Amino acid sequence: MRELEKILEEIEKARNCASINGDFNVAAAHEEDMNIIHKHMNDGWISVEERLPEDGTYLCTFKGELCGIEEPFTGMCGIENGVWDEPGYVTAWRPLPEPYRPEGSDGE
């Protein structure tokens, strides 16, 4: 139950900040709420047992035995037609984050 209280506290803090700044947009508020909730749900990781992503490249958690590494580790991996580039080693995945763009940058 404490985790739900943390989530509600973060959502309330985001709401208060938006209200104070006069920057309250319902769609943006909903997206922020979803981001807060996802952060508390295993930080956005999705188990391969839960579901597989669409074809593409993802940030993945690999079993420790890949490449002789003892502990689970994170890296990028592709999937095509439900088969990972490293079959049998991916345990969880999440979409890649947006690339870093300095403030005022137009993406170039």
C-alpha atoms as a PDB file:
ATOM      1  CA  MET A   1       0.000   0.000   0.000  1.00  0.00           C
ATOM      2  CA  ARG A   2       2.928   2.335   0.637  1.00  0.00           C
ATOM      3  CA  GLU A   3       3.835   2.200  -3.067  1.00  0.00           C
ATOM      4  CA  LEU A   4       0.382   3.514  -4.011  1.00  0.00           C
ATOM      5  CA  GLU A   5       0.779   6.318  -1.490  1.00  0.00           C
ATOM      6  CA  LYS A   6       4.108   7.287  -3.112  1.00  0.00           C
ATOM      7  CA  ILE A   7       2.458   7.332  -6.543  1.00  0.00           C
ATOM      8  CA  LEU A   8      -0.390   9.530  -5.312  1.00  0.00           C
ATOM      9  CA  GLU A   9       2.073  11.901  -3.616  1.00  0.00           C
ATOM     10  CA  GLU A  10       4.058  12.276  -6.842  1.00  0.00           C
ATOM     11  CA  ILE A  11       0.911  12.885  -8.894  1.00  0.00           C
ATOM     12  CA  GLU A  12      -0.312  15.478  -6.390  1.00  0.00           C
ATOM     13  CA  LYS A  13       3.083  17.211  -6.425  1.00  0.00           C
ATOM     14  CA  ALA A  14       3.053  17.331 -10.252  1.00  0.00           C
ATOM     15  CA  ARG A  15      -0.515  18.744 -10.184  1.00  0.00           C
ATOM     16  CA  ASN A  16       0.369  21.435  -7.634  1.00  0.00           C
ATOM     17  CA  CYS A  17       3.456  22.455  -9.599  1.00  0.00           C
ATOM     18  CA  ALA A  18       1.449  22.706 -12.824  1.00  0.00           C
ATOM     19  CA  SER A  19      -1.274  24.760 -11.111  1.00  0.00           C
ATOM     20  CA  ILE A  20       1.218  27.158  -9.553  1.00  0.00           C
ATOM     21  CA  ASN A  21       2.948  27.669 -12.900  1.00  0.00           C
ATOM     22  CA  GLY A  22      -0.366  28.116 -14.723  1.00  0.00           C
ATOM     23  CA  ASP A  23       0.630  25.258 -17.015  1.00  0.00           C
ATOM     24  CA  PHE A  24      -2.255  22.836 -16.534  1.00  0.00           C
ATOM     25  CA  ASN A  25      -3.027  20.865 -19.697  1.00  0.00           C
ATOM     26  CA  VAL A  26      -5.273  17.829 -19.241  1.00  0.00           C
ATOM     27  CA  ALA A  27      -3.517  15.709 -21.889  1.00  0.00           C
ATOM     28  CA  ALA A  28      -0.072  16.562 -20.523  1.00  0.00           C
ATOM     29  CA  ALA A  29      -1.301  15.877 -16.980  1.00  0.00           C
ATOM     30  CA  HIS A  30      -2.604  12.471 -18.024  1.00  0.00           C
ATOM     31  CA  GLU A  31       0.713  11.619 -19.706  1.00  0.00           C
ATOM     32  CA  GLU A  32       2.641  12.705 -16.608  1.00  0.00           C
ATOM     33  CA  ASP A  33       0.374  10.571 -14.414  1.00  0.00           C
ATOM     34  CA  MET A  34       1.012   7.563 -16.654  1.00  0.00           C
ATOM     35  CA  ASN A  35       4.780   8.179 -16.525  1.00  0.00           C
ATOM     36  CA  ILE A  36       4.693   8.300 -12.718  1.00  0.00           C
ATOM     37  CA  ILE A  37       2.717   5.059 -12.530  1.00  0.00           C
ATOM     38  CA  HIS A  38       4.970   3.287 -15.050  1.00  0.00           C
ATOM     39  CA  LYS A  39       8.046   4.344 -13.086  1.00  0.00           C
ATOM     40  CA  HIS A  40       6.656   2.468 -10.097  1.00  0.00           C
ATOM     41  CA  MET A  41       5.736  -0.577 -12.181  1.00  0.00           C
ATOM     42  CA  ASN A  42       9.163  -2.189 -12.450  1.00  0.00           C
ATOM     43  CA  ASP A  43      10.496   1.023 -13.984  1.00  0.00           C
ATOM     44  CA  GLY A  44       8.874   0.346 -17.348  1.00  0.00           C
ATOM     45  CA  TRP A  45      10.371  -3.119 -17.913  1.00  0.00           C
ATOM     46  CA  ILE A  46       8.110  -5.722 -19.541  1.00  0.00           C
ATOM     47  CA  SER A  47       8.841  -9.395 -19.003  1.00  0.00           C
ATOM     48  CA  VAL A  48       9.162 -11.482 -22.188  1.00  0.00           C
ATOM     49  CA  GLU A  49       6.827 -13.919 -20.440  1.00  0.00           C
ATOM     50  CA  GLU A  50       4.175 -11.179 -20.276  1.00  0.00           C
ATOM     51  CA  ARG A  51       4.438 -10.217 -23.955  1.00  0.00           C
ATOM     52  CA  LEU A  52       6.839  -9.600 -26.819  1.00  0.00           C
ATOM     53  CA  PRO A  53       7.227  -6.258 -28.581  1.00  0.00           C
ATOM     54  CA  GLU A  54       6.706  -5.453 -32.240  1.00  0.00           C
ATOM     55  CA  ASP A  55       9.682  -5.902 -34.581  1.00  0.00           C
ATOM     56  CA  GLY A  56      12.441  -3.399 -33.817  1.00  0.00           C
ATOM     57  CA  THR A  57      15.277  -2.639 -31.430  1.00  0.00           C
ATOM     58  CA  TYR A  58      14.746  -2.414 -27.678  1.00  0.00           C
ATOM     59  CA  LEU A  59      16.581  -1.926 -24.407  1.00  0.00           C
ATOM     60  CA  CYS A  60      16.758  -5.425 -22.917  1.00  0.00           C
ATOM     61  CA  THR A  61      17.785  -7.226 -19.765  1.00  0.00           C
ATOM     62  CA  PHE A  62      19.864 -10.295 -20.605  1.00  0.00           C
ATOM     63  CA  LYS A  63      20.497 -13.413 -18.560  1.00  0.00           C
ATOM     64  CA  GLY A  64      23.937 -13.376 -16.989  1.00  0.00           C
ATOM     65  CA  GLU A  65      25.355 -16.297 -18.952  1.00  0.00           C
ATOM     66  CA  LEU A  66      25.489 -14.361 -22.256  1.00  0.00           C
ATOM     67  CA  CYS A  67      29.076 -13.332 -23.119  1.00  0.00           C
ATOM     68  CA  GLY A  68      30.429 -14.930 -19.945  1.00  0.00           C
ATOM     69  CA  ILE A  69      28.990 -12.198 -17.719  1.00  0.00           C
ATOM     70  CA  GLU A  70      27.852 -13.588 -14.363  1.00  0.00           C
ATOM     71  CA  GLU A  71      25.045 -11.130 -13.492  1.00  0.00           C
ATOM     72  CA  PRO A  72      22.043  -9.992 -15.573  1.00  0.00           C
ATOM     73  CA  PHE A  73      22.880  -6.891 -17.599  1.00  0.00           C
ATOM     74  CA  THR A  74      21.225  -4.361 -19.895  1.00  0.00           C
ATOM     75  CA  GLY A  75      21.874  -3.781 -23.589  1.00  0.00           C
ATOM     76  CA  MET A  76      20.122  -3.292 -26.900  1.00  0.00           C
ATOM     77  CA  CYS A  77      18.667  -6.171 -28.870  1.00  0.00           C
ATOM     78  CA  GLY A  78      16.514  -6.541 -31.948  1.00  0.00           C
ATOM     79  CA  ILE A  79      13.481  -8.714 -32.464  1.00  0.00           C
ATOM     80  CA  GLU A  80      11.951  -9.847 -35.745  1.00  0.00           C
ATOM     81  CA  ASN A  81       8.871 -12.057 -36.141  1.00  0.00           C
ATOM     82  CA  GLY A  82       8.915 -12.838 -32.406  1.00  0.00           C
ATOM     83  CA  VAL A  83      12.564 -13.993 -32.387  1.00  0.00           C
ATOM     84  CA  TRP A  84      15.242 -12.006 -30.553  1.00  0.00           C
ATOM     85  CA  ASP A  85      18.716 -11.531 -32.066  1.00  0.00           C
ATOM     86  CA  GLU A  86      19.943 -13.330 -28.904  1.00  0.00           C
ATOM     87  CA  PRO A  87      17.257 -16.024 -28.492  1.00  0.00           C
ATOM     88  CA  GLY A  88      16.930 -17.489 -25.018  1.00  0.00           C
ATOM     89  CA  TYR A  89      18.848 -14.691 -23.294  1.00  0.00           C
ATOM     90  CA  VAL A  90      16.399 -11.767 -23.160  1.00  0.00           C
ATOM     91  CA  THR A  91      14.328 -11.725 -19.961  1.00  0.00           C
ATOM     92  CA  ALA A  92      12.707  -8.268 -20.173  1.00  0.00           C
ATOM     93  CA  TRP A  93      12.504  -5.327 -22.559  1.00  0.00           C
ATOM     94  CA  ARG A  94      11.438  -1.703 -22.801  1.00  0.00           C
ATOM     95  CA  PRO A  95      11.305   0.834 -25.626  1.00  0.00           C
ATOM     96  CA  LEU A  96      14.447   2.839 -26.270  1.00  0.00           C
ATOM     97  CA  PRO A  97      14.347   6.335 -24.772  1.00  0.00           C
ATOM     98  CA  GLU A  98      14.281   9.375 -26.996  1.00  0.00           C
ATOM     99  CA  PRO A  99      17.787  10.563 -27.906  1.00  0.00           C
ATOM    100  CA  TYR A 100      19.317  13.407 -25.932  1.00  0.00           C
ATOM    101  CA  ARG A 101      18.713  16.793 -27.477  1.00  0.00           C
ATOM    102  CA  PRO A 102      20.280  19.866 -25.881  1.00  0.00           C
ATOM    103  CA  GLU A 103      17.839  22.645 -25.030  1.00  0.00           C
ATOM    104  CA  GLY A 104      17.249  24.869 -28.036  1.00  0.00           C
ATOM    105  CA  SER A 105      18.487  22.182 -30.410  1.00  0.00           C
ATOM    106  CA  ASP A 106      16.494  21.538 -33.555  1.00  0.00           C
ATOM    107  CA  GLY A 107      17.646  17.902 -33.604  1.00  0.00           C
ATOM    108  CA  GLU A 108      20.674  18.355 -35.833  1.00  0.00           C
END
